[in-house]
Amino acid sequence: QVQLVESGGGLVQPGGSLRLSCAASGNIFSMYRMGWYRQAPGNQRELVVDITSNGRTNYQDSVAGRFTISRDNAKKTMYLQMNSLKPDDTAVYYCNLHQGINDYWGQGTQVTVSS
């Protein structure tokens, strides 16, 4: 089993920044993909960005240039630096780890962008 623990959400004004973290533990193989998803009220969960074990990234168009994903393989931790936040970024953000045929999810952390 794999456990994912997110931290770093909160309330921020438009134009502000937040940094999310996701710490993974458990039975983690050497090759796996991690990513951040988000779900706003009334919407489906959507991919924000993901990153492979060798650092290849895939950003949603709406966050490209504002968000930066990174990972520390030694610490099994992933980060999401979010800058120039907009009210449309308001959502619950979920950490995901995909390895083999399995997907694992964190509990989610609320990000609210509001003045």
PDB file of N, CA and C in Angstrom:
ATOM      1  N   GLN A   1       0.833  -1.202   0.000  1.00  0.00           N
ATOM      2  CA  GLN A   1       0.000   0.000   0.000  1.00  0.00           C
ATOM      3  C   GLN A   1       0.865   1.247   0.000  1.00  0.00           C
ATOM      4  N   VAL A   2       0.274   2.325  -0.499  1.00  0.00           N
ATOM      5  CA  VAL A   2       0.942   3.616  -0.570  1.00  0.00           C
ATOM      6  C   VAL A   2       0.083   4.643   0.147  1.00  0.00           C
ATOM      7  N   GLN A   3       0.728   5.482   0.923  1.00  0.00           N
ATOM      8  CA  GLN A   3       0.029   6.566   1.605  1.00  0.00           C
ATOM      9  C   GLN A   3       0.570   7.900   1.092  1.00  0.00           C
ATOM     10  N   LEU A   4      -0.359   8.838   0.887  1.00  0.00           N
ATOM     11  CA  LEU A   4      -0.005  10.171   0.419  1.00  0.00           C
ATOM     12  C   LEU A   4      -0.579  11.193   1.382  1.00  0.00           C
ATOM     13  N   VAL A   5       0.250  12.122   1.815  1.00  0.00           N
ATOM     14  CA  VAL A   5      -0.181  13.161   2.750  1.00  0.00           C
ATOM     15  C   VAL A   5       0.134  14.522   2.152  1.00  0.00           C
ATOM     16  N   GLU A   6      -0.910  15.304   1.943  1.00  0.00           N
ATOM     17  CA  GLU A   6      -0.750  16.636   1.359  1.00  0.00           C
ATOM     18  C   GLU A   6      -0.727  17.689   2.455  1.00  0.00           C
ATOM     19  N   SER A   7      -0.099  18.803   2.133  1.00  0.00           N
ATOM     20  CA  SER A   7      -0.110  19.946   3.031  1.00  0.00           C
ATOM     21  C   SER A   7       0.109  21.207   2.207  1.00  0.00           C
ATOM     22  N   GLY A   8      -0.227  22.352   2.803  1.00  0.00           N
ATOM     23  CA  GLY A   8       0.091  23.623   2.175  1.00  0.00           C
ATOM     24  C   GLY A   8      -1.076  24.406   1.609  1.00  0.00           C
ATOM     25  N   GLY A   9      -2.276  23.871   1.660  1.00  0.00           N
ATOM     26  CA  GLY A   9      -3.414  24.627   1.152  1.00  0.00           C
ATOM     27  C   GLY A   9      -3.773  25.785   2.068  1.00  0.00           C
ATOM     28  N   GLY A  10      -4.757  26.586   1.623  1.00  0.00           N
ATOM     29  CA  GLY A  10      -5.201  27.690   2.443  1.00  0.00           C
ATOM     30  C   GLY A  10      -5.919  28.743   1.639  1.00  0.00           C
ATOM     31  N   LEU A  11      -6.086  29.894   2.269  1.00  0.00           N
ATOM     32  CA  LEU A  11      -6.758  31.035   1.649  1.00  0.00           C
ATOM     33  C   LEU A  11      -5.710  32.049   1.212  1.00  0.00           C
ATOM     34  N   VAL A  12      -5.831  32.508  -0.018  1.00  0.00           N
ATOM     35  CA  VAL A  12      -4.870  33.476  -0.549  1.00  0.00           C
ATOM     36  C   VAL A  12      -5.608  34.466  -1.434  1.00  0.00           C
ATOM     37  N   GLN A  13      -5.115  35.680  -1.515  1.00  0.00           N
ATOM     38  CA  GLN A  13      -5.722  36.694  -2.370  1.00  0.00           C
ATOM     39  C   GLN A  13      -5.329  36.474  -3.823  1.00  0.00           C
ATOM     40  N   PRO A  14      -6.140  36.935  -4.749  1.00  0.00           N
ATOM     41  CA  PRO A  14      -5.759  36.846  -6.167  1.00  0.00           C
ATOM     42  C   PRO A  14      -4.389  37.470  -6.394  1.00  0.00           C
ATOM     43  N   GLY A  15      -3.589  36.781  -7.186  1.00  0.00           N
ATOM     44  CA  GLY A  15      -2.227  37.218  -7.446  1.00  0.00           C
ATOM     45  C   GLY A  15      -1.221  36.666  -6.466  1.00  0.00           C
ATOM     46  N   GLY A  16      -1.688  36.015  -5.413  1.00  0.00           N
ATOM     47  CA  GLY A  16      -0.797  35.474  -4.411  1.00  0.00           C
ATOM     48  C   GLY A  16      -0.227  34.122  -4.783  1.00  0.00           C
ATOM     49  N   SER A  17       0.515  33.546  -3.839  1.00  0.00           N
ATOM     50  CA  SER A  17       1.202  32.273  -4.085  1.00  0.00           C
ATOM     51  C   SER A  17       0.944  31.298  -2.936  1.00  0.00           C
ATOM     52  N   LEU A  18       0.994  30.025  -3.282  1.00  0.00           N
ATOM     53  CA  LEU A  18       0.947  28.939  -2.308  1.00  0.00           C
ATOM     54  C   LEU A  18       1.852  27.824  -2.796  1.00  0.00           C
ATOM     55  N   ARG A  19       2.338  27.034  -1.858  1.00  0.00           N
ATOM     56  CA  ARG A  19       3.139  25.856  -2.195  1.00  0.00           C
ATOM     57  C   ARG A  19       2.526  24.638  -1.536  1.00  0.00           C
ATOM     58  N   LEU A  20       2.159  23.684  -2.349  1.00  0.00           N
ATOM     59  CA  LEU A  20       1.619  22.421  -1.847  1.00  0.00           C
ATOM     60  C   LEU A  20       2.721  21.365  -1.802  1.00  0.00           C
ATOM     61  N   SER A  21       2.607  20.482  -0.829  1.00  0.00           N
ATOM     62  CA  SER A  21       3.535  19.359  -0.726  1.00  0.00           C
ATOM     63  C   SER A  21       2.754  18.061  -0.630  1.00  0.00           C
ATOM     64  N   CYS A  22       3.366  16.990  -1.119  1.00  0.00           N
ATOM     65  CA  CYS A  22       2.763  15.667  -1.023  1.00  0.00           C
ATOM     66  C   CYS A  22       3.864  14.677  -0.674  1.00  0.00           C
ATOM     67  N   ALA A  23       3.760  14.101   0.507  1.00  0.00           N
ATOM     68  CA  ALA A  23       4.752  13.130   0.958  1.00  0.00           C
ATOM     69  C   ALA A  23       4.196  11.728   0.780  1.00  0.00           C
ATOM     70  N   ALA A  24       4.963  10.874   0.120  1.00  0.00           N
ATOM     71  CA  ALA A  24       4.544   9.502  -0.139  1.00  0.00           C
ATOM     72  C   ALA A  24       5.307   8.534   0.748  1.00  0.00           C
ATOM     73  N   SER A  25       4.632   7.482   1.158  1.00  0.00           N
ATOM     74  CA  SER A  25       5.275   6.428   1.939  1.00  0.00           C
ATOM     75  C   SER A  25       4.617   5.100   1.598  1.00  0.00           C
ATOM     76  N   GLY A  26       5.298   4.021   1.969  1.00  0.00           N
ATOM     77  CA  GLY A  26       4.738   2.704   1.706  1.00  0.00           C
ATOM     78  C   GLY A  26       5.513   1.978   0.628  1.00  0.00           C
ATOM     79  N   ASN A  27       4.845   1.110  -0.075  1.00  0.00           N
ATOM     80  CA  ASN A  27       5.445   0.235  -1.070  1.00  0.00           C
ATOM     81  C   ASN A  27       5.552   0.973  -2.404  1.00  0.00           C
ATOM     82  N   ILE A  28       6.596   1.755  -2.543  1.00  0.00           N
ATOM     83  CA  ILE A  28       6.786   2.577  -3.740  1.00  0.00           C
ATOM     84  C   ILE A  28       7.918   2.006  -4.570  1.00  0.00           C
ATOM     85  N   PHE A  29       7.648   1.781  -5.849  1.00  0.00           N
ATOM     86  CA  PHE A  29       8.655   1.245  -6.739  1.00  0.00           C
ATOM     87  C   PHE A  29       9.585   2.354  -7.206  1.00  0.00           C
ATOM     88  N   SER A  30      10.553   2.001  -8.002  1.00  0.00           N
ATOM     89  CA  SER A  30      11.511   3.002  -8.469  1.00  0.00           C
ATOM     90  C   SER A  30      10.922   3.881  -9.562  1.00  0.00           C
ATOM     91  N   MET A  31       9.982   3.335 -10.340  1.00  0.00           N
ATOM     92  CA  MET A  31       9.384   4.093 -11.440  1.00  0.00           C
ATOM     93  C   MET A  31       7.918   4.346 -11.135  1.00  0.00           C
ATOM     94  N   TYR A  32       7.548   5.620 -11.081  1.00  0.00           N
ATOM     95  CA  TYR A  32       6.154   5.960 -10.844  1.00  0.00           C
ATOM     96  C   TYR A  32       5.922   7.393 -11.283  1.00  0.00           C
ATOM     97  N   ARG A  33       4.701   7.684 -11.548  1.00  0.00           N
ATOM     98  CA  ARG A  33       4.320   9.039 -11.946  1.00  0.00           C
ATOM     99  C   ARG A  33       3.514   9.661 -10.820  1.00  0.00           C
ATOM    100  N   MET A  34       3.763  10.926 -10.570  1.00  0.00           N
ATOM    101  CA  MET A  34       2.989  11.653  -9.574  1.00  0.00           C
ATOM    102  C   MET A  34       2.335  12.851 -10.233  1.00  0.00           C
ATOM    103  N   GLY A  35       1.254  13.293  -9.640  1.00  0.00           N
ATOM    104  CA  GLY A  35       0.571  14.437 -10.220  1.00  0.00           C
ATOM    105  C   GLY A  35      -0.349  15.126  -9.229  1.00  0.00           C
ATOM    106  N   TRP A  36      -0.779  16.290  -9.618  1.00  0.00           N
ATOM    107  CA  TRP A  36      -1.759  17.073  -8.870  1.00  0.00           C
ATOM    108  C   TRP A  36      -3.035  17.177  -9.700  1.00  0.00           C
ATOM    109  N   TYR A  37      -4.133  16.880  -9.052  1.00  0.00           N
ATOM    110  CA  TYR A  37      -5.442  17.042  -9.635  1.00  0.00           C
ATOM    111  C   TYR A  37      -6.214  18.030  -8.774  1.00  0.00           C
ATOM    112  N   ARG A  38      -7.281  18.578  -9.325  1.00  0.00           N
ATOM    113  CA  ARG A  38      -8.126  19.461  -8.526  1.00  0.00           C
ATOM    114  C   ARG A  38      -9.590  19.259  -8.903  1.00  0.00           C
ATOM    115  N   GLN A  39     -10.432  19.577  -7.929  1.00  0.00           N
ATOM    116  CA  GLN A  39     -11.869  19.458  -8.147  1.00  0.00           C
ATOM    117  C   GLN A  39     -12.572  20.629  -7.492  1.00  0.00           C
ATOM    118  N   ALA A  40     -13.216  21.424  -8.326  1.00  0.00           N
ATOM    119  CA  ALA A  40     -14.013  22.549  -7.843  1.00  0.00           C
ATOM    120  C   ALA A  40     -15.457  22.085  -7.671  1.00  0.00           C
ATOM    121  N   PRO A  41     -16.229  22.767  -6.826  1.00  0.00           N
ATOM    122  CA  PRO A  41     -17.621  22.369  -6.605  1.00  0.00           C
ATOM    123  C   PRO A  41     -18.402  22.301  -7.914  1.00  0.00           C
ATOM    124  N   GLY A  42     -19.088  21.179  -8.127  1.00  0.00           N
ATOM    125  CA  GLY A  42     -19.886  21.003  -9.321  1.00  0.00           C
ATOM    126  C   GLY A  42     -19.120  20.564 -10.542  1.00  0.00           C
ATOM    127  N   ASN A  43     -17.786  20.437 -10.401  1.00  0.00           N
ATOM    128  CA  ASN A  43     -16.953  20.045 -11.539  1.00  0.00           C
ATOM    129  C   ASN A  43     -16.349  18.666 -11.319  1.00  0.00           C
ATOM    130  N   GLN A  44     -15.901  18.075 -12.417  1.00  0.00           N
ATOM    131  CA  GLN A  44     -15.181  16.811 -12.306  1.00  0.00           C
ATOM    132  C   GLN A  44     -13.739  17.072 -11.889  1.00  0.00           C
ATOM    133  N   ARG A  45     -13.125  16.056 -11.318  1.00  0.00           N
ATOM    134  CA  ARG A  45     -11.707  16.168 -10.976  1.00  0.00           C
ATOM    135  C   ARG A  45     -10.902  16.252 -12.269  1.00  0.00           C
ATOM    136  N   GLU A  46      -9.941  17.162 -12.298  1.00  0.00           N
ATOM    137  CA  GLU A  46      -9.142  17.368 -13.502  1.00  0.00           C
ATOM    138  C   GLU A  46      -7.667  17.369 -13.180  1.00  0.00           C
ATOM    139  N   LEU A  47      -6.887  16.946 -14.164  1.00  0.00           N
ATOM    140  CA  LEU A  47      -5.437  16.959 -14.010  1.00  0.00           C
ATOM    141  C   LEU A  47      -4.932  18.391 -14.092  1.00  0.00           C
ATOM    142  N   VAL A  48      -4.113  18.766 -13.130  1.00  0.00           N
ATOM    143  CA  VAL A  48      -3.441  20.065 -13.158  1.00  0.00           C
ATOM    144  C   VAL A  48      -2.068  19.923 -13.814  1.00  0.00           C
ATOM    145  N   VAL A  49      -1.303  18.973 -13.319  1.00  0.00           N
ATOM    146  CA  VAL A  49       0.028  18.721 -13.843  1.00  0.00           C
ATOM    147  C   VAL A  49       0.511  17.388 -13.301  1.00  0.00           C
ATOM    148  N   ASP A  50       1.321  16.683 -14.092  1.00  0.00           N
ATOM    149  CA  ASP A  50       1.970  15.493 -13.548  1.00  0.00           C
ATOM    150  C   ASP A  50       3.431  15.458 -13.960  1.00  0.00           C
ATOM    151  N   ILE A  51       4.176  14.557 -13.301  1.00  0.00           N
ATOM    152  CA  ILE A  51       5.621  14.476 -13.518  1.00  0.00           C
ATOM    153  C   ILE A  51       6.040  13.027 -13.422  1.00  0.00           C
ATOM    154  N   THR A  52       6.863  12.587 -14.363  1.00  0.00           N
ATOM    155  CA  THR A  52       7.344  11.218 -14.367  1.00  0.00           C
ATOM    156  C   THR A  52       8.582  11.083 -13.484  1.00  0.00           C
ATOM    157  N   SER A  53       9.034   9.847 -13.329  1.00  0.00           N
ATOM    158  CA  SER A  53      10.215   9.588 -12.501  1.00  0.00           C
ATOM    159  C   SER A  53      11.448  10.291 -13.040  1.00  0.00           C
ATOM    160  N   ASN A  54      11.505  10.469 -14.364  1.00  0.00           N
ATOM    161  CA  ASN A  54      12.688  11.135 -14.935  1.00  0.00           C
ATOM    162  C   ASN A  54      12.462  12.629 -15.150  1.00  0.00           C
ATOM    163  N   GLY A  55      11.374  13.164 -14.576  1.00  0.00           N
ATOM    164  CA  GLY A  55      11.192  14.604 -14.580  1.00  0.00           C
ATOM    165  C   GLY A  55      10.382  15.193 -15.718  1.00  0.00           C
ATOM    166  N   ARG A  56       9.820  14.353 -16.561  1.00  0.00           N
ATOM    167  CA  ARG A  56       8.995  14.882 -17.657  1.00  0.00           C
ATOM    168  C   ARG A  56       7.671  15.380 -17.097  1.00  0.00           C
ATOM    169  N   THR A  57       7.277  16.596 -17.510  1.00  0.00           N
ATOM    170  CA  THR A  57       6.067  17.207 -16.963  1.00  0.00           C
ATOM    171  C   THR A  57       4.998  17.431 -18.019  1.00  0.00           C
ATOM    172  N   ASN A  58       3.769  17.531 -17.553  1.00  0.00           N
ATOM    173  CA  ASN A  58       2.634  17.772 -18.435  1.00  0.00           C
ATOM    174  C   ASN A  58       1.684  18.704 -17.702  1.00  0.00           C
ATOM    175  N   TYR A  59       1.599  19.957 -18.160  1.00  0.00           N
ATOM    176  CA  TYR A  59       0.783  20.964 -17.496  1.00  0.00           C
ATOM    177  C   TYR A  59      -0.542  21.185 -18.226  1.00  0.00           C
ATOM    178  N   GLN A  60      -1.577  21.411 -17.445  1.00  0.00           N
ATOM    179  CA  GLN A  60      -2.830  21.905 -18.021  1.00  0.00           C
ATOM    180  C   GLN A  60      -2.556  23.313 -18.552  1.00  0.00           C
ATOM    181  N   ASP A  61      -3.160  23.641 -19.690  1.00  0.00           N
ATOM    182  CA  ASP A  61      -2.887  24.936 -20.312  1.00  0.00           C
ATOM    183  C   ASP A  61      -3.176  26.110 -19.376  1.00  0.00           C
ATOM    184  N   SER A  62      -4.211  26.006 -18.572  1.00  0.00           N
ATOM    185  CA  SER A  62      -4.625  27.149 -17.745  1.00  0.00           C
ATOM    186  C   SER A  62      -3.632  27.470 -16.628  1.00  0.00           C
ATOM    187  N   VAL A  63      -2.726  26.545 -16.310  1.00  0.00           N
ATOM    188  CA  VAL A  63      -1.777  26.792 -15.222  1.00  0.00           C
ATOM    189  C   VAL A  63      -0.344  26.908 -15.721  1.00  0.00           C
ATOM    190  N   ALA A  64      -0.107  26.582 -16.981  1.00  0.00           N
ATOM    191  CA  ALA A  64       1.253  26.656 -17.530  1.00  0.00           C
ATOM    192  C   ALA A  64       1.784  28.079 -17.397  1.00  0.00           C
ATOM    193  N   GLY A  65       3.001  28.193 -16.897  1.00  0.00           N
ATOM    194  CA  GLY A  65       3.619  29.491 -16.694  1.00  0.00           C
ATOM    195  C   GLY A  65       3.345  30.086 -15.326  1.00  0.00           C
ATOM    196  N   ARG A  66       2.379  29.540 -14.621  1.00  0.00           N
ATOM    197  CA  ARG A  66       2.059  30.033 -13.263  1.00  0.00           C
ATOM    198  C   ARG A  66       2.386  28.996 -12.193  1.00  0.00           C
ATOM    199  N   PHE A  67       2.185  27.739 -12.509  1.00  0.00           N
ATOM    200  CA  PHE A  67       2.436  26.650 -11.553  1.00  0.00           C
ATOM    201  C   PHE A  67       3.710  25.910 -11.956  1.00  0.00           C
ATOM    202  N   THR A  68       4.418  25.416 -10.950  1.00  0.00           N
ATOM    203  CA  THR A  68       5.617  24.621 -11.196  1.00  0.00           C
ATOM    204  C   THR A  68       5.598  23.386 -10.313  1.00  0.00           C
ATOM    205  N   ILE A  69       5.702  22.235 -10.945  1.00  0.00           N
ATOM    206  CA  ILE A  69       5.757  20.980 -10.210  1.00  0.00           C
ATOM    207  C   ILE A  69       7.209  20.543 -10.068  1.00  0.00           C
ATOM    208  N   SER A  70       7.513  19.908  -8.951  1.00  0.00           N
ATOM    209  CA  SER A  70       8.837  19.344  -8.754  1.00  0.00           C
ATOM    210  C   SER A  70       8.714  18.124  -7.834  1.00  0.00           C
ATOM    211  N   ARG A  71       9.756  17.318  -7.834  1.00  0.00           N
ATOM    212  CA  ARG A  71       9.739  16.158  -6.952  1.00  0.00           C
ATOM    213  C   ARG A  71      11.133  15.866  -6.454  1.00  0.00           C
ATOM    214  N   ASP A  72      11.201  15.356  -5.255  1.00  0.00           N
ATOM    215  CA  ASP A  72      12.450  14.927  -4.638  1.00  0.00           C
ATOM    216  C   ASP A  72      12.323  13.422  -4.467  1.00  0.00           C
ATOM    217  N   ASN A  73      12.957  12.664  -5.365  1.00  0.00           N
ATOM    218  CA  ASN A  73      12.790  11.212  -5.342  1.00  0.00           C
ATOM    219  C   ASN A  73      13.355  10.598  -4.070  1.00  0.00           C
ATOM    220  N   ALA A  74      14.428  11.177  -3.554  1.00  0.00           N
ATOM    221  CA  ALA A  74      15.024  10.635  -2.333  1.00  0.00           C
ATOM    222  C   ALA A  74      14.063  10.761  -1.155  1.00  0.00           C
ATOM    223  N   LYS A  75      13.340  11.867  -1.121  1.00  0.00           N
ATOM    224  CA  LYS A  75      12.385  12.093  -0.034  1.00  0.00           C
ATOM    225  C   LYS A  75      10.991  11.582  -0.372  1.00  0.00           C
ATOM    226  N   LYS A  76      10.806  11.121  -1.612  1.00  0.00           N
ATOM    227  CA  LYS A  76       9.493  10.674  -2.070  1.00  0.00           C
ATOM    228  C   LYS A  76       8.445  11.763  -1.809  1.00  0.00           C
ATOM    229  N   THR A  77       8.811  12.965  -2.181  1.00  0.00           N
ATOM    230  CA  THR A  77       7.938  14.115  -1.953  1.00  0.00           C
ATOM    231  C   THR A  77       7.797  14.908  -3.239  1.00  0.00           C
ATOM    232  N   MET A  78       6.588  15.391  -3.470  1.00  0.00           N
ATOM    233  CA  MET A  78       6.290  16.197  -4.643  1.00  0.00           C
ATOM    234  C   MET A  78       5.793  17.561  -4.189  1.00  0.00           C
ATOM    235  N   TYR A  79       6.070  18.574  -4.982  1.00  0.00           N
ATOM    236  CA  TYR A  79       5.693  19.927  -4.633  1.00  0.00           C
ATOM    237  C   TYR A  79       4.946  20.573  -5.797  1.00  0.00           C
ATOM    238  N   LEU A  80       4.102  21.543  -5.461  1.00  0.00           N
ATOM    239  CA  LEU A  80       3.466  22.365  -6.479  1.00  0.00           C
ATOM    240  C   LEU A  80       3.546  23.812  -6.033  1.00  0.00           C
ATOM    241  N   GLN A  81       4.369  24.570  -6.726  1.00  0.00           N
ATOM    242  CA  GLN A  81       4.471  26.007  -6.470  1.00  0.00           C
ATOM    243  C   GLN A  81       3.446  26.696  -7.347  1.00  0.00           C
ATOM    244  N   MET A  82       2.527  27.401  -6.730  1.00  0.00           N
ATOM    245  CA  MET A  82       1.447  28.071  -7.455  1.00  0.00           C
ATOM    246  C   MET A  82       1.595  29.574  -7.289  1.00  0.00           C
ATOM    247  N   ASN A  83       1.836  30.259  -8.388  1.00  0.00           N
ATOM    248  CA  ASN A  83       1.982  31.713  -8.394  1.00  0.00           C
ATOM    249  C   ASN A  83       0.864  32.354  -9.202  1.00  0.00           C
ATOM    250  N   SER A  84       0.693  33.650  -9.022  1.00  0.00           N
ATOM    251  CA  SER A  84      -0.320  34.403  -9.766  1.00  0.00           C
ATOM    252  C   SER A  84      -1.680  33.698  -9.705  1.00  0.00           C
ATOM    253  N   LEU A  85      -2.056  33.321  -8.515  1.00  0.00           N
ATOM    254  CA  LEU A  85      -3.291  32.561  -8.355  1.00  0.00           C
ATOM    255  C   LEU A  85      -4.515  33.386  -8.719  1.00  0.00           C
ATOM    256  N   LYS A  86      -5.498  32.694  -9.273  1.00  0.00           N
ATOM    257  CA  LYS A  86      -6.738  33.319  -9.708  1.00  0.00           C
ATOM    258  C   LYS A  86      -7.929  32.686  -8.971  1.00  0.00           C
ATOM    259  N   PRO A  87      -9.043  33.387  -8.895  1.00  0.00           N
ATOM    260  CA  PRO A  87     -10.218  32.772  -8.260  1.00  0.00           C
ATOM    261  C   PRO A  87     -10.611  31.436  -8.907  1.00  0.00           C
ATOM    262  N   ASP A  88     -10.380  31.288 -10.203  1.00  0.00           N
ATOM    263  CA  ASP A  88     -10.697  30.032 -10.890  1.00  0.00           C
ATOM    264  C   ASP A  88      -9.832  28.866 -10.437  1.00  0.00           C
ATOM    265  N   ASP A  89      -8.763  29.152  -9.715  1.00  0.00           N
ATOM    266  CA  ASP A  89      -7.908  28.081  -9.190  1.00  0.00           C
ATOM    267  C   ASP A  89      -8.471  27.494  -7.898  1.00  0.00           C
ATOM    268  N   THR A  90      -9.518  28.091  -7.375  1.00  0.00           N
ATOM    269  CA  THR A  90     -10.131  27.595  -6.150  1.00  0.00           C
ATOM    270  C   THR A  90     -10.667  26.188  -6.345  1.00  0.00           C
ATOM    271  N   ALA A  91     -10.212  25.267  -5.496  1.00  0.00           N
ATOM    272  CA  ALA A  91     -10.602  23.863  -5.613  1.00  0.00           C
ATOM    273  C   ALA A  91      -9.966  23.078  -4.475  1.00  0.00           C
ATOM    274  N   VAL A  92     -10.366  21.830  -4.359  1.00  0.00           N
ATOM    275  CA  VAL A  92      -9.637  20.887  -3.525  1.00  0.00           C
ATOM    276  C   VAL A  92      -8.569  20.253  -4.411  1.00  0.00           C
ATOM    277  N   TYR A  93      -7.342  20.302  -3.965  1.00  0.00           N
ATOM    278  CA  TYR A  93      -6.220  19.765  -4.730  1.00  0.00           C
ATOM    279  C   TYR A  93      -5.825  18.403  -4.151  1.00  0.00           C
ATOM    280  N   TYR A  94      -5.693  17.434  -5.053  1.00  0.00           N
ATOM    281  CA  TYR A  94      -5.386  16.067  -4.668  1.00  0.00           C
ATOM    282  C   TYR A  94      -4.048  15.641  -5.244  1.00  0.00           C
ATOM    283  N   CYS A  95      -3.291  14.974  -4.433  1.00  0.00           N
ATOM    284  CA  CYS A  95      -2.043  14.356  -4.866  1.00  0.00           C
ATOM    285  C   CYS A  95      -2.349  12.955  -5.396  1.00  0.00           C
ATOM    286  N   ASN A  96      -1.694  12.587  -6.476  1.00  0.00           N
ATOM    287  CA  ASN A  96      -1.876  11.265  -7.074  1.00  0.00           C
ATOM    288  C   ASN A  96      -0.529  10.611  -7.335  1.00  0.00           C
ATOM    289  N   LEU A  97      -0.477   9.317  -7.089  1.00  0.00           N
ATOM    290  CA  LEU A  97       0.704   8.528  -7.448  1.00  0.00           C
ATOM    291  C   LEU A  97       0.215   7.336  -8.258  1.00  0.00           C
ATOM    292  N   HIS A  98       0.825   7.168  -9.429  1.00  0.00           N
ATOM    293  CA  HIS A  98       0.450   6.070 -10.322  1.00  0.00           C
ATOM    294  C   HIS A  98       1.660   5.178 -10.532  1.00  0.00           C
ATOM    295  N   GLN A  99       1.505   3.898 -10.191  1.00  0.00           N
ATOM    296  CA  GLN A  99       2.564   2.950 -10.473  1.00  0.00           C
ATOM    297  C   GLN A  99       1.950   1.613 -10.858  1.00  0.00           C
ATOM    298  N   GLY A 100       2.502   1.009 -11.878  1.00  0.00           N
ATOM    299  CA  GLY A 100       1.906  -0.227 -12.373  1.00  0.00           C
ATOM    300  C   GLY A 100       0.496   0.044 -12.870  1.00  0.00           C
ATOM    301  N   ILE A 101      -0.451  -0.682 -12.316  1.00  0.00           N
ATOM    302  CA  ILE A 101      -1.855  -0.486 -12.688  1.00  0.00           C
ATOM    303  C   ILE A 101      -2.629   0.211 -11.581  1.00  0.00           C
ATOM    304  N   ASN A 102      -1.926   0.693 -10.587  1.00  0.00           N
ATOM    305  CA  ASN A 102      -2.587   1.258  -9.412  1.00  0.00           C
ATOM    306  C   ASN A 102      -2.478   2.766  -9.337  1.00  0.00           C
ATOM    307  N   ASP A 103      -3.546   3.371  -8.851  1.00  0.00           N
ATOM    308  CA  ASP A 103      -3.587   4.795  -8.552  1.00  0.00           C
ATOM    309  C   ASP A 103      -3.851   4.992  -7.068  1.00  0.00           C
ATOM    310  N   TYR A 104      -3.081   5.889  -6.476  1.00  0.00           N
ATOM    311  CA  TYR A 104      -3.251   6.215  -5.070  1.00  0.00           C
ATOM    312  C   TYR A 104      -3.529   7.705  -4.945  1.00  0.00           C
ATOM    313  N   TRP A 105      -4.358   8.059  -3.941  1.00  0.00           N
ATOM    314  CA  TRP A 105      -4.778   9.452  -3.784  1.00  0.00           C
ATOM    315  C   TRP A 105      -4.570   9.927  -2.355  1.00  0.00           C
ATOM    316  N   GLY A 106      -4.225  11.195  -2.239  1.00  0.00           N
ATOM    317  CA  GLY A 106      -4.211  11.824  -0.945  1.00  0.00           C
ATOM    318  C   GLY A 106      -5.610  12.236  -0.538  1.00  0.00           C
ATOM    319  N   GLN A 107      -5.702  12.833   0.645  1.00  0.00           N
ATOM    320  CA  GLN A 107      -7.002  13.203   1.192  1.00  0.00           C
ATOM    321  C   GLN A 107      -7.513  14.528   0.627  1.00  0.00           C
ATOM    322  N   GLY A 108      -6.647  15.269  -0.010  1.00  0.00           N
ATOM    323  CA  GLY A 108      -7.033  16.556  -0.586  1.00  0.00           C
ATOM    324  C   GLY A 108      -6.747  17.718   0.350  1.00  0.00           C
ATOM    325  N   THR A 109      -6.427  18.849  -0.248  1.00  0.00           N
ATOM    326  CA  THR A 109      -6.199  20.060   0.519  1.00  0.00           C
ATOM    327  C   THR A 109      -6.909  21.219  -0.197  1.00  0.00           C
ATOM    328  N   GLN A 110      -7.610  22.028   0.569  1.00  0.00           N
ATOM    329  CA  GLN A 110      -8.408  23.107   0.001  1.00  0.00           C
ATOM    330  C   GLN A 110      -7.532  24.309  -0.327  1.00  0.00           C
ATOM    331  N   VAL A 111      -7.703  24.809  -1.543  1.00  0.00           N
ATOM    332  CA  VAL A 111      -7.081  26.060  -1.961  1.00  0.00           C
ATOM    333  C   VAL A 111      -8.208  27.020  -2.333  1.00  0.00           C
ATOM    334  N   THR A 112      -8.229  28.158  -1.665  1.00  0.00           N
ATOM    335  CA  THR A 112      -9.255  29.161  -1.923  1.00  0.00           C
ATOM    336  C   THR A 112      -8.573  30.473  -2.294  1.00  0.00           C
ATOM    337  N   VAL A 113      -8.927  30.983  -3.458  1.00  0.00           N
ATOM    338  CA  VAL A 113      -8.361  32.248  -3.933  1.00  0.00           C
ATOM    339  C   VAL A 113      -9.487  33.279  -3.940  1.00  0.00           C
ATOM    340  N   SER A 114      -9.389  34.215  -3.034  1.00  0.00           N
ATOM    341  CA  SER A 114     -10.474  35.182  -2.867  1.00  0.00           C
ATOM    342  C   SER A 114      -9.961  36.429  -2.181  1.00  0.00           C
ATOM    343  N   SER A 115     -10.550  37.553  -2.537  1.00  0.00           N
ATOM    344  CA  SER A 115     -10.206  38.807  -1.867  1.00  0.00           C
ATOM    345  C   SER A 115     -11.171  39.074  -0.716  1.00  0.00           C
TER     346      SER A 115
END
